[in-house]
Amino acid sequence: MTVRTLIAFLVIALAGTAQAQSDFARQVVTSDGPSSVSVTVYRDPNRDSARAMNLNYLNGYALITEQRTVTLPAGEVDLRFEGVAGGIIPQSAIVTGLAEGVLEKNRDAALLSPSALLNGHIGRGVTVKRTSAVTGRTEEYSANIRTDARNGVVIQTADGFEALRCTGLNEALIYPEIPEGLSAKPTLSVKTIVRQTTRATVTLSYLATGFDWQANYVADVSEDGETMNLFSWVTLANSDETSFRDAQTNTVAGQPNKGRDAIQRPTGGAIALRCWPQATTSDIAVKRFERARNESRFRGQPLPAPMMAMEAESDMVALGSAKQVQAKQEELGDLKLYRIPVPVTIASKSQKQVAMFEKQAVPFKQLYETEVGATGYGNSGTLFTTLRLQNDEQNRLGLALPAGKLVAFKEAGNARLLLGEGNLDDKAIGEEVEIRIGNSQQVRFAVDQVNQSEGDNRKYRDFELTLTNALAQPASIELKLSHGDRERLTKVSKRLGRKDGKPLWKVTIPANGSSTLRYRVNFR
């Protein structure tokens, strides 16, 4: 091979290599927002029905599925999904619709934050906006940032160097632009190879923390106290910084097995403001003091009348329109899926309620119950007011009831008054449902010891358990007697049943009446 031929061959080979590298040049593509999104919310497995959701600390999670259409150039592509949930669990993300699949995925940490914005302008010009101590007017100064956000922020102005927030006056930094590479939205990026320019519909599915839901029930008791109209809300909560507009929304009742996820939410770090030598920069203590003072000013006071009226009005409007949207129950293995039939916007840092179901004229029984120690002589107290329902079609229910809170109302004198509120756990079809809505001061119990065996080695004690009813109507009472493993009840004056493995006294006491149970406790 001649030198001229060899040179020509190398030129052709290098050109081919350059063309191949050009064909697979690495490019960054940021997808538009999702064309459709589905959000399925799972409850906090460690929160029971008696504990309300805390929007600042939600420990449930959601399965989020998005569809996005993107134009992908040929080559190695970093595809960025902006606007995912801030609490995304990156290792759970699945991306489909890419011909060559996913080579790599990352939770991008370069989020826009106060510290990232400040650090991105080190050595660059900014504007300081400050209140003048002399004139009281707002003035603006040109300045350069000389240190990062970690160890006290030093700025340089025409007057020299100073630490930010050391004047004791209101001031702020105004930045001319957002530094390159910072994103204002949580972002997931994936790397893929594209053989030729194409337009693809990509599906992204992932789990995200910071969500929760619960059921809320409203019971309107009939005038005769024998039936109720039962209405249920699905209450969705989203503490994430991302909103999901017009989402197909579902909730799941039950507790699927899921481990704890280690999630690092990129925040950009904190900004440390320090004055030398006093170190009096921080105003956090002042803010806490002012917040505590404001809270104490209103603690224990009723809501203003206009606010109460507004809450009542919005409640009635919601109830009036509830039939328009009701969640549909489906089976999901051993779990229950509630599918909301219309798109729902799940806004960031907010709660939303959607109707789940409404049942008319559901029969129930109001009773008074508690559990009493069989040897608890000298004990006395009130009984719980409890509503009991049978969850079957014969009793106008027959559907899975998710855990949540119930509020009971009843009409009295043309006014809708509160009877009480309570909680119920997850209940399957066919189960008995009991909700304690308060304590009755009118139905009470008392235990007294009336006799015992003689001698130091006492073998038994005799007791009287008395129930009284001060109501103007009969009271149905169920009272469980608890006792130790080495104790046995004998000589019981009335027939007892059993419930939850314990003796049960069931009795109906007439208005303004009483009843007494006598029994002996033998000690073994």
Protein backbone atom coordinates (compact mmCIF):
# COMPACT_ATOMS: atom_id res chain seq x y z
CA MET A 1 0.00 0.00 0.00
CA THR A 2 1.45 3.37 -1.07
CA VAL A 3 1.70 6.29 1.30
CA ARG A 4 -0.90 8.19 -0.71
CA THR A 5 -3.35 5.24 -0.52
CA LEU A 6 -2.77 4.87 3.25
CA ILE A 7 -3.45 8.56 3.86
CA ALA A 8 -6.67 8.36 1.81
CA PHE A 9 -7.78 5.31 3.82
CA LEU A 10 -7.14 7.03 7.15
CA VAL A 11 -9.03 10.14 6.04
CA ILE A 12 -12.05 8.02 5.08
CA ALA A 13 -11.88 6.05 8.35
CA LEU A 14 -11.65 9.17 10.48
CA ALA A 15 -14.52 10.73 8.58
CA GLY A 16 -16.62 7.64 9.21
CA THR A 17 -15.77 7.70 12.91
CA ALA A 18 -16.61 11.40 13.10
CA GLN A 19 -19.90 10.74 11.33
CA ALA A 20 -20.72 7.90 13.77
CA GLN A 21 -19.90 10.12 16.74
CA SER A 22 -22.01 12.86 15.20
CA ASP A 23 -24.89 10.43 14.75
CA PHE A 24 -24.68 9.53 18.45
CA ALA A 25 -23.75 12.91 19.90
CA ARG A 26 -25.04 13.36 23.44
CA GLN A 27 -27.98 15.75 23.59
CA VAL A 28 -30.33 16.93 26.33
CA VAL A 29 -34.08 16.85 25.70
CA THR A 30 -36.56 18.25 28.22
CA SER A 31 -40.03 16.80 27.83
CA ASP A 32 -43.14 18.91 27.87
CA GLY A 33 -45.58 18.39 30.72
CA PRO A 34 -47.57 15.15 30.80
CA SER A 35 -50.48 14.77 28.40
CA SER A 36 -52.15 12.50 30.95
CA VAL A 37 -51.43 11.49 34.53
CA SER A 38 -52.77 8.90 36.96
CA VAL A 39 -52.30 9.13 40.74
CA THR A 40 -53.06 6.16 43.02
CA VAL A 41 -52.76 7.08 46.71
CA TYR A 42 -51.89 4.56 49.45
CA ARG A 43 -52.50 5.35 53.11
CA ASP A 44 -49.87 5.77 55.78
CA PRO A 45 -49.66 2.20 57.16
CA ASN A 46 -48.74 3.45 60.65
CA ARG A 47 -51.55 5.98 61.06
CA ASP A 48 -54.71 4.63 62.68
CA SER A 49 -58.17 6.01 62.01
CA ALA A 50 -58.20 8.01 65.26
CA ARG A 51 -55.23 10.12 64.16
CA ALA A 52 -55.91 12.90 61.69
CA MET A 53 -53.67 13.51 58.69
CA ASN A 54 -50.99 16.15 59.19
CA LEU A 55 -50.39 17.98 55.92
CA ASN A 56 -46.88 18.90 57.09
CA TYR A 57 -45.95 15.27 57.75
CA LEU A 58 -47.66 12.77 55.44
CA ASN A 59 -46.26 9.23 55.51
CA GLY A 60 -48.40 7.64 52.83
CA TYR A 61 -47.28 7.37 49.23
CA ALA A 62 -48.60 7.39 45.67
CA LEU A 63 -48.04 5.50 42.44
CA ILE A 64 -47.87 8.11 39.69
CA THR A 65 -48.07 7.27 35.98
CA GLU A 66 -47.52 9.93 33.32
CA GLN A 67 -47.60 9.91 29.54
CA ARG A 68 -45.40 12.42 27.73
CA THR A 69 -44.79 12.91 23.99
CA VAL A 70 -41.24 13.92 23.06
CA THR A 71 -39.16 14.46 19.91
CA LEU A 72 -35.85 12.61 20.26
CA PRO A 73 -32.88 13.38 18.01
CA ALA A 74 -30.53 10.66 16.87
CA GLY A 75 -27.66 9.97 19.23
CA GLU A 76 -27.14 9.57 22.95
CA VAL A 77 -29.98 11.45 24.67
CA ASP A 78 -30.46 12.64 28.23
CA LEU A 79 -34.25 12.82 28.50
CA ARG A 80 -35.36 15.08 31.35
CA PHE A 81 -38.79 14.71 32.96
CA GLU A 82 -39.38 18.04 34.71
CA GLY A 83 -42.26 18.44 37.15
CA VAL A 84 -42.21 14.97 38.70
CA ALA A 85 -43.09 14.69 42.38
CA GLY A 86 -40.44 16.10 44.70
CA GLY A 87 -40.74 12.94 46.82
CA ILE A 88 -40.03 10.61 43.90
CA ILE A 89 -38.31 7.33 44.78
CA PRO A 90 -35.89 7.18 41.83
CA GLN A 91 -35.19 3.46 42.11
CA SER A 92 -38.90 2.75 41.58
CA ALA A 93 -39.12 4.64 38.27
CA ILE A 94 -40.02 2.67 35.14
CA VAL A 95 -39.83 4.27 31.69
CA THR A 96 -41.38 2.56 28.66
CA GLY A 97 -41.76 3.67 25.06
CA LEU A 98 -38.03 4.13 24.30
CA ALA A 99 -36.88 1.82 21.51
CA GLU A 100 -33.46 1.14 23.07
CA GLY A 101 -34.68 1.19 26.67
CA VAL A 102 -33.04 3.08 29.54
CA LEU A 103 -29.29 3.01 30.12
CA GLU A 104 -29.26 5.16 33.26
CA LYS A 105 -31.65 7.18 35.43
CA ASN A 106 -30.95 10.00 37.88
CA ARG A 107 -32.83 12.19 40.31
CA ASP A 108 -31.41 15.59 39.34
CA ALA A 109 -30.24 17.50 42.42
CA ALA A 110 -29.68 20.89 40.76
CA LEU A 111 -32.95 22.36 41.99
CA LEU A 112 -33.60 26.05 42.25
CA SER A 113 -33.35 27.07 45.92
CA PRO A 114 -32.21 30.16 47.85
CA SER A 115 -28.76 28.71 48.49
CA ALA A 116 -28.31 27.43 44.92
CA LEU A 117 -29.37 30.80 43.57
CA LEU A 118 -26.90 32.60 45.85
CA ASN A 119 -24.03 30.22 45.13
CA GLY A 120 -24.65 30.55 41.41
CA HIS A 121 -23.95 34.31 41.66
CA ILE A 122 -20.66 34.24 43.62
CA GLY A 123 -18.43 36.92 42.13
CA ARG A 124 -21.27 38.29 40.04
CA GLY A 125 -23.35 41.43 40.38
CA VAL A 126 -26.63 41.50 42.31
CA THR A 127 -28.84 44.23 43.74
CA VAL A 128 -29.33 44.79 47.48
CA LYS A 129 -32.73 46.21 48.36
CA ARG A 130 -32.69 47.76 51.83
CA THR A 131 -34.70 50.07 54.08
CA SER A 132 -32.77 53.20 55.04
CA ALA A 133 -32.39 53.76 58.78
CA VAL A 134 -32.29 57.53 58.16
CA THR A 135 -35.15 58.15 55.73
CA GLY A 136 -37.21 54.98 56.16
CA ARG A 137 -37.31 54.64 52.38
CA THR A 138 -36.36 51.60 50.34
CA GLU A 139 -33.04 52.00 48.55
CA GLU A 140 -31.14 49.81 46.11
CA TYR A 141 -27.37 49.21 45.90
CA SER A 142 -25.18 47.28 43.46
CA ALA A 143 -23.15 44.54 45.12
CA ASN A 144 -21.05 41.44 44.47
CA ILE A 145 -21.39 38.19 46.44
CA ARG A 146 -17.98 37.10 47.76
CA THR A 147 -18.73 33.95 49.81
CA ASP A 148 -21.06 30.98 49.49
CA ALA A 149 -24.15 30.21 51.56
CA ARG A 150 -22.51 27.93 54.12
CA ASN A 151 -20.43 30.16 56.40
CA GLY A 152 -22.08 33.56 56.43
CA VAL A 153 -22.76 35.62 53.31
CA VAL A 154 -20.30 38.44 52.63
CA ILE A 155 -21.14 41.05 49.99
CA GLN A 156 -19.04 43.86 48.56
CA THR A 157 -20.56 47.27 47.81
CA ALA A 158 -19.08 50.65 46.93
CA ASP A 159 -18.76 51.24 50.70
CA GLY A 160 -16.72 48.09 51.32
CA PHE A 161 -17.38 44.56 52.64
CA GLU A 162 -20.24 43.59 54.94
CA ALA A 163 -22.12 40.50 56.10
CA LEU A 164 -25.66 40.19 54.85
CA ARG A 165 -28.43 40.92 57.36
CA CYS A 166 -26.16 42.64 59.88
CA THR A 167 -27.76 46.07 59.66
CA GLY A 168 -30.91 45.06 61.54
CA LEU A 169 -32.95 46.51 58.65
CA ASN A 170 -35.21 44.85 56.13
CA GLU A 171 -33.16 43.84 53.09
CA ALA A 172 -33.19 41.41 50.22
CA LEU A 173 -31.01 40.28 47.32
CA ILE A 174 -32.33 40.69 43.76
CA TYR A 175 -30.73 38.38 41.20
CA PRO A 176 -30.53 39.30 37.50
CA GLU A 177 -31.17 35.75 36.23
CA ILE A 178 -31.36 32.07 37.11
CA PRO A 179 -27.94 30.38 36.77
CA GLU A 180 -27.63 27.83 34.01
CA GLY A 181 -28.31 24.25 35.03
CA LEU A 182 -30.79 25.05 37.82
CA SER A 183 -34.34 23.74 37.52
CA ALA A 184 -37.32 25.23 39.29
CA LYS A 185 -39.07 21.83 39.20
CA PRO A 186 -38.14 18.40 40.56
CA THR A 187 -36.60 16.47 37.66
CA LEU A 188 -35.89 12.84 36.77
CA SER A 189 -33.52 12.24 33.86
CA VAL A 190 -32.83 9.04 31.92
CA LYS A 191 -30.15 8.22 29.36
CA THR A 192 -30.98 6.34 26.16
CA ILE A 193 -29.70 5.72 22.62
CA VAL A 194 -31.82 6.88 19.66
CA ARG A 195 -30.99 5.33 16.26
CA GLN A 196 -32.87 7.92 14.25
CA THR A 197 -34.85 11.06 15.00
CA THR A 198 -38.28 10.03 16.23
CA ARG A 199 -41.35 11.29 18.05
CA ALA A 200 -42.28 8.92 20.87
CA THR A 201 -44.96 8.63 23.50
CA VAL A 202 -43.18 7.72 26.72
CA THR A 203 -44.80 6.35 29.88
CA LEU A 204 -43.18 7.15 33.24
CA SER A 205 -44.31 5.35 36.40
CA TYR A 206 -42.85 5.86 39.87
CA LEU A 207 -43.61 5.83 43.59
CA ALA A 208 -43.49 9.07 45.55
CA THR A 209 -43.73 9.90 49.24
CA GLY A 210 -45.69 12.75 50.83
CA PHE A 211 -49.26 11.60 50.13
CA ASP A 212 -52.08 10.14 52.22
CA TRP A 213 -55.84 9.66 52.22
CA GLN A 214 -58.68 8.65 54.48
CA ALA A 215 -62.43 8.22 54.42
CA ASN A 216 -64.71 10.71 56.16
CA TYR A 217 -68.29 9.71 56.94
CA VAL A 218 -71.34 11.84 57.66
CA ALA A 219 -74.36 10.14 59.26
CA ASP A 220 -77.73 11.87 59.38
CA VAL A 221 -79.85 10.02 61.95
CA SER A 222 -83.59 9.76 61.34
CA GLU A 223 -86.14 11.21 63.74
CA ASP A 224 -87.01 7.78 65.16
CA GLY A 225 -83.33 6.99 65.72
CA GLU A 226 -83.49 3.67 63.86
CA THR A 227 -82.01 4.50 60.44
CA MET A 228 -79.41 6.88 59.04
CA ASN A 229 -78.42 8.35 55.71
CA LEU A 230 -74.73 7.57 55.40
CA PHE A 231 -72.50 9.65 53.17
CA SER A 232 -68.75 9.16 52.66
CA TRP A 233 -65.95 11.39 51.39
CA VAL A 234 -62.53 10.43 50.09
CA THR A 235 -60.10 12.99 51.55
CA LEU A 236 -56.86 13.21 49.53
CA ALA A 237 -53.76 14.96 50.89
CA ASN A 238 -50.65 16.02 48.98
CA SER A 239 -47.71 17.62 50.81
CA ASP A 240 -45.48 17.54 47.73
CA GLU A 241 -44.38 20.68 45.89
CA THR A 242 -45.81 19.33 42.63
CA SER A 243 -49.47 19.58 41.57
CA PHE A 244 -51.15 17.02 39.33
CA ARG A 245 -53.81 18.55 37.12
CA ASP A 246 -56.80 16.61 35.83
CA ALA A 247 -55.42 13.32 37.12
CA GLN A 248 -57.18 9.97 36.98
CA THR A 249 -57.22 9.44 40.73
CA ASN A 250 -57.54 6.24 42.73
CA THR A 251 -57.19 5.31 46.39
CA VAL A 252 -56.24 1.93 47.84
CA ALA A 253 -57.55 0.58 51.14
CA GLY A 254 -55.47 -1.98 52.98
CA GLN A 255 -51.82 -2.32 53.90
CA PRO A 256 -49.59 -3.74 51.15
CA ASN A 257 -46.13 -4.71 52.36
CA LYS A 258 -43.68 -1.91 51.62
CA GLY A 259 -40.30 -1.22 53.18
CA ARG A 260 -38.89 2.12 54.26
CA ASP A 261 -37.27 4.12 51.45
CA ALA A 262 -34.16 6.22 51.91
CA ILE A 263 -34.96 9.39 49.96
CA GLN A 264 -32.73 12.40 49.69
CA ARG A 265 -34.78 15.41 48.71
CA PRO A 266 -32.47 17.96 47.07
CA THR A 267 -32.88 21.28 48.86
CA GLY A 268 -29.66 23.07 47.90
CA GLY A 269 -28.63 23.34 51.53
CA ALA A 270 -29.21 26.09 54.04
CA ILE A 271 -28.06 29.71 53.98
CA ALA A 272 -26.00 30.58 57.05
CA LEU A 273 -26.20 34.27 57.97
CA ARG A 274 -23.71 35.45 60.59
CA CYS A 275 -22.67 38.80 61.98
CA TRP A 276 -19.27 39.35 63.53
CA PRO A 277 -18.77 39.36 66.43
CA GLN A 278 -22.32 39.43 67.83
CA ALA A 279 -23.79 36.58 65.74
CA THR A 280 -27.19 38.24 65.93
CA THR A 281 -28.21 37.65 62.34
CA SER A 282 -30.87 34.98 62.74
CA ASP A 283 -34.43 36.12 63.11
CA ILE A 284 -35.80 32.60 63.62
CA ALA A 285 -36.19 33.06 67.38
CA VAL A 286 -38.07 36.32 66.80
CA LYS A 287 -40.42 34.65 64.35
CA ARG A 288 -41.07 31.77 66.74
CA PHE A 289 -41.82 34.21 69.55
CA GLU A 290 -44.22 36.21 67.39
CA ARG A 291 -45.96 33.04 66.19
CA ALA A 292 -46.36 31.72 69.75
CA ARG A 293 -47.68 35.10 70.91
CA ASN A 294 -50.25 35.22 68.09
CA GLU A 295 -51.34 31.64 68.74
CA SER A 296 -51.77 32.24 72.47
CA ARG A 297 -53.86 35.31 71.75
CA PHE A 298 -56.52 33.20 70.02
CA ARG A 299 -56.12 29.91 71.87
CA GLY A 300 -59.38 28.64 73.31
CA GLN A 301 -61.51 31.28 71.63
CA PRO A 302 -64.37 30.28 69.30
CA LEU A 303 -64.14 30.98 65.60
CA PRO A 304 -65.59 34.32 64.51
CA ALA A 305 -69.22 34.09 63.42
CA PRO A 306 -68.55 34.83 59.70
CA MET A 307 -65.96 32.03 59.53
CA MET A 308 -68.31 29.55 61.18
CA ALA A 309 -71.06 30.50 58.78
CA MET A 310 -68.70 30.09 55.83
CA GLU A 311 -67.67 26.60 56.96
CA ALA A 312 -71.26 25.51 57.44
CA GLU A 313 -72.26 26.90 54.05
CA SER A 314 -69.45 25.13 52.19
CA ASP A 315 -70.35 21.87 53.98
CA MET A 316 -73.96 22.04 52.83
CA VAL A 317 -72.98 22.94 49.25
CA ALA A 318 -70.62 19.97 49.13
CA LEU A 319 -73.31 17.62 50.41
CA GLY A 320 -75.82 18.94 47.93
CA SER A 321 -73.55 18.22 44.96
CA ALA A 322 -72.12 14.94 46.22
CA LYS A 323 -74.22 12.65 44.02
CA GLN A 324 -72.55 13.99 40.89
CA VAL A 325 -69.21 12.28 41.60
CA GLN A 326 -68.86 9.00 43.47
CA ALA A 327 -65.84 6.68 43.63
CA LYS A 328 -66.22 3.20 42.15
CA GLN A 329 -65.05 0.26 44.22
CA GLU A 330 -62.96 -2.47 42.57
CA GLU A 331 -61.01 -5.52 43.75
CA LEU A 332 -57.20 -5.30 43.79
CA GLY A 333 -56.12 -8.69 45.10
CA ASP A 334 -56.68 -8.56 48.85
CA LEU A 335 -56.91 -4.77 48.68
CA LYS A 336 -59.76 -2.47 47.69
CA LEU A 337 -59.38 0.09 44.92
CA TYR A 338 -61.62 3.18 44.79
CA ARG A 339 -61.57 4.77 41.35
CA ILE A 340 -62.78 8.36 41.07
CA PRO A 341 -64.68 8.53 37.74
CA VAL A 342 -63.78 12.11 36.77
CA PRO A 343 -60.40 13.88 36.49
CA VAL A 344 -59.28 15.48 39.75
CA THR A 345 -56.63 18.13 40.29
CA ILE A 346 -54.47 17.18 43.28
CA ALA A 347 -52.87 20.50 44.14
CA SER A 348 -49.57 20.78 45.99
CA LYS A 349 -49.65 21.39 49.76
CA SER A 350 -53.42 20.83 49.92
CA GLN A 351 -56.30 18.50 50.70
CA LYS A 352 -59.27 17.65 48.51
CA GLN A 353 -62.52 15.79 49.13
CA VAL A 354 -64.44 13.72 46.59
CA ALA A 355 -67.66 11.79 47.23
CA MET A 356 -67.18 8.04 47.71
CA PHE A 357 -70.73 6.74 48.25
CA GLU A 358 -74.14 7.60 49.65
CA LYS A 359 -76.57 5.12 51.25
CA GLN A 360 -80.13 5.91 52.31
CA ALA A 361 -82.08 4.60 55.31
CA VAL A 362 -79.35 2.33 56.69
CA PRO A 363 -80.69 0.53 59.79
CA PHE A 364 -78.55 0.75 62.91
CA LYS A 365 -78.77 0.28 66.64
CA GLN A 366 -77.64 2.77 69.25
CA LEU A 367 -76.33 1.11 72.38
CA TYR A 368 -74.25 1.90 75.43
CA GLU A 369 -71.20 -0.23 76.15
CA THR A 370 -67.89 -0.46 77.94
CA GLU A 371 -65.57 -2.96 79.61
CA VAL A 372 -65.37 -3.19 83.41
CA GLY A 373 -62.93 -5.05 85.65
CA ALA A 374 -64.86 -7.72 87.54
CA THR A 375 -62.95 -7.02 90.76
CA GLY A 376 -62.84 -3.24 90.31
CA TYR A 377 -64.91 -2.42 93.40
CA GLY A 378 -65.37 1.24 94.00
CA ASN A 379 -65.26 1.84 90.25
CA SER A 380 -67.96 3.92 88.61
CA GLY A 381 -68.27 5.84 85.39
CA THR A 382 -70.03 6.49 82.13
CA LEU A 383 -70.67 4.22 79.17
CA PHE A 384 -69.75 4.82 75.54
CA THR A 385 -72.49 5.81 73.13
CA THR A 386 -72.01 3.44 70.19
CA LEU A 387 -73.63 3.05 66.78
CA ARG A 388 -73.76 -0.51 65.42
CA LEU A 389 -74.34 -1.38 61.77
CA GLN A 390 -74.28 -4.63 59.81
CA ASN A 391 -72.25 -4.25 56.63
CA ASP A 392 -74.33 -6.31 54.22
CA GLU A 393 -76.80 -5.69 51.40
CA GLN A 394 -79.74 -6.77 53.56
CA ASN A 395 -78.98 -3.75 55.76
CA ARG A 396 -78.47 -1.40 52.76
CA LEU A 397 -74.66 -1.46 52.89
CA GLY A 398 -72.63 -4.41 51.61
CA LEU A 399 -69.40 -2.68 50.53
CA ALA A 400 -65.90 -2.36 51.89
CA LEU A 401 -65.68 0.53 54.35
CA PRO A 402 -62.22 2.16 54.52
CA ALA A 403 -60.93 3.41 57.86
CA GLY A 404 -61.79 6.98 58.72
CA LYS A 405 -63.74 9.38 60.89
CA LEU A 406 -67.53 9.59 61.26
CA VAL A 407 -69.60 12.58 62.35
CA ALA A 408 -73.24 11.96 63.33
CA PHE A 409 -76.01 14.59 63.13
CA LYS A 410 -79.73 14.62 63.94
CA GLU A 411 -82.53 17.07 63.25
CA ALA A 412 -83.94 18.74 66.36
CA GLY A 413 -86.30 21.70 66.22
CA ASN A 414 -85.58 22.36 62.53
CA ALA A 415 -81.85 22.47 63.29
CA ARG A 416 -79.15 19.95 62.34
CA LEU A 417 -77.28 19.23 65.58
CA LEU A 418 -74.15 17.24 66.30
CA LEU A 419 -74.63 13.90 68.11
CA GLY A 420 -70.94 13.03 68.25
CA GLU A 421 -68.01 11.79 66.25
CA GLY A 422 -65.88 8.68 66.22
CA ASN A 423 -63.61 6.43 64.18
CA LEU A 424 -63.91 3.14 62.37
CA ASP A 425 -61.25 0.76 61.10
CA ASP A 426 -61.29 -1.00 57.72
CA LYS A 427 -64.38 -3.17 57.53
CA ALA A 428 -65.03 -5.89 54.98
CA ILE A 429 -68.42 -6.89 53.59
CA GLY A 430 -70.36 -8.91 56.16
CA GLU A 431 -68.56 -7.51 59.20
CA GLU A 432 -70.22 -5.79 62.13
CA VAL A 433 -69.37 -2.10 62.38
CA GLU A 434 -69.25 -0.29 65.73
CA ILE A 435 -68.46 3.41 66.08
CA ARG A 436 -68.14 5.08 69.46
CA ILE A 437 -69.38 8.66 69.11
CA GLY A 438 -69.07 9.82 72.73
CA ASN A 439 -69.72 9.14 76.41
CA SER A 440 -73.18 9.26 77.94
CA GLN A 441 -73.45 11.06 81.25
CA GLN A 442 -76.94 9.62 81.61
CA VAL A 443 -76.07 5.91 81.46
CA ARG A 444 -73.60 4.87 84.15
CA PHE A 445 -72.17 1.87 86.01
CA ALA A 446 -70.89 1.25 89.56
CA VAL A 447 -69.10 -1.78 91.05
CA ASP A 448 -69.27 -2.51 94.79
CA GLN A 449 -67.88 -5.36 96.87
CA VAL A 450 -70.54 -6.73 99.22
CA ASN A 451 -68.90 -9.77 100.83
CA GLN A 452 -65.72 -11.85 101.00
CA SER A 453 -64.50 -15.13 102.48
CA GLU A 454 -63.08 -15.07 106.00
CA GLY A 455 -59.47 -15.55 107.00
CA ASP A 456 -56.15 -14.45 105.61
CA ASN A 457 -56.36 -16.85 102.68
CA ARG A 458 -59.44 -15.33 101.06
CA LYS A 459 -60.84 -17.58 98.30
CA TYR A 460 -63.67 -15.42 96.97
CA ARG A 461 -65.30 -11.98 96.92
CA ASP A 462 -68.91 -11.06 96.10
CA PHE A 463 -69.74 -8.02 93.96
CA GLU A 464 -72.70 -6.00 92.73
CA LEU A 465 -72.55 -4.26 89.36
CA THR A 466 -75.31 -1.65 89.01
CA LEU A 467 -76.37 0.08 85.80
CA THR A 468 -78.53 3.22 85.85
CA ASN A 469 -80.38 4.96 83.03
CA ALA A 470 -81.36 8.60 83.53
CA LEU A 471 -82.63 8.97 79.95
CA ALA A 472 -86.29 9.50 79.08
CA GLN A 473 -86.19 6.37 76.87
CA PRO A 474 -84.96 2.79 77.31
CA ALA A 475 -81.22 2.15 76.95
CA SER A 476 -79.72 -1.00 75.38
CA ILE A 477 -76.52 -1.84 77.23
CA GLU A 478 -73.71 -4.31 76.57
CA LEU A 479 -71.05 -4.57 79.24
CA LYS A 480 -67.99 -6.84 79.10
CA LEU A 481 -66.48 -8.13 82.36
CA SER A 482 -62.72 -8.61 82.36
CA HIS A 483 -60.88 -10.72 84.93
CA GLY A 484 -57.50 -12.38 85.45
CA ASP A 485 -56.50 -15.89 84.40
CA ARG A 486 -56.58 -17.03 88.05
CA GLU A 487 -60.06 -15.62 88.65
CA ARG A 488 -63.38 -17.32 87.90
CA LEU A 489 -66.93 -15.91 87.97
CA THR A 490 -69.53 -18.00 89.82
CA LYS A 491 -73.01 -17.52 91.29
CA VAL A 492 -73.91 -15.00 88.57
CA SER A 493 -77.44 -13.65 89.09
CA LYS A 494 -78.21 -13.22 85.36
CA ARG A 495 -77.38 -15.17 82.23
CA LEU A 496 -74.22 -13.89 80.52
CA GLY A 497 -73.09 -14.22 76.93
CA ARG A 498 -69.56 -13.90 75.58
CA LYS A 499 -67.82 -11.40 73.31
CA ASP A 500 -64.13 -11.22 72.43
CA GLY A 501 -63.58 -14.13 74.84
CA LYS A 502 -65.03 -12.25 77.84
CA PRO A 503 -68.33 -12.51 79.76
CA LEU A 504 -70.95 -10.14 78.33
CA TRP A 505 -73.99 -8.72 80.14
CA LYS A 506 -76.68 -7.57 77.73
CA VAL A 507 -79.65 -5.73 79.19
CA THR A 508 -82.24 -3.13 78.25
CA ILE A 509 -82.95 -0.72 81.09
CA PRO A 510 -86.22 1.26 81.02
CA ALA A 511 -86.28 5.03 81.21
CA ASN A 512 -85.10 6.31 84.59
CA GLY A 513 -84.51 2.72 85.67
CA SER A 514 -81.66 0.55 86.90
CA SER A 515 -80.50 -3.06 86.96
CA THR A 516 -78.05 -4.97 89.17
CA LEU A 517 -75.84 -7.97 88.40
CA ARG A 518 -74.54 -10.00 91.35
CA TYR A 519 -71.62 -12.40 91.02
CA ARG A 520 -68.80 -14.05 92.93
CA VAL A 521 -65.14 -14.03 91.92
CA ASN A 522 -63.24 -17.15 93.01
CA PHE A 523 -59.45 -16.91 93.28
CA ARG A 524 -57.38 -19.94 92.36
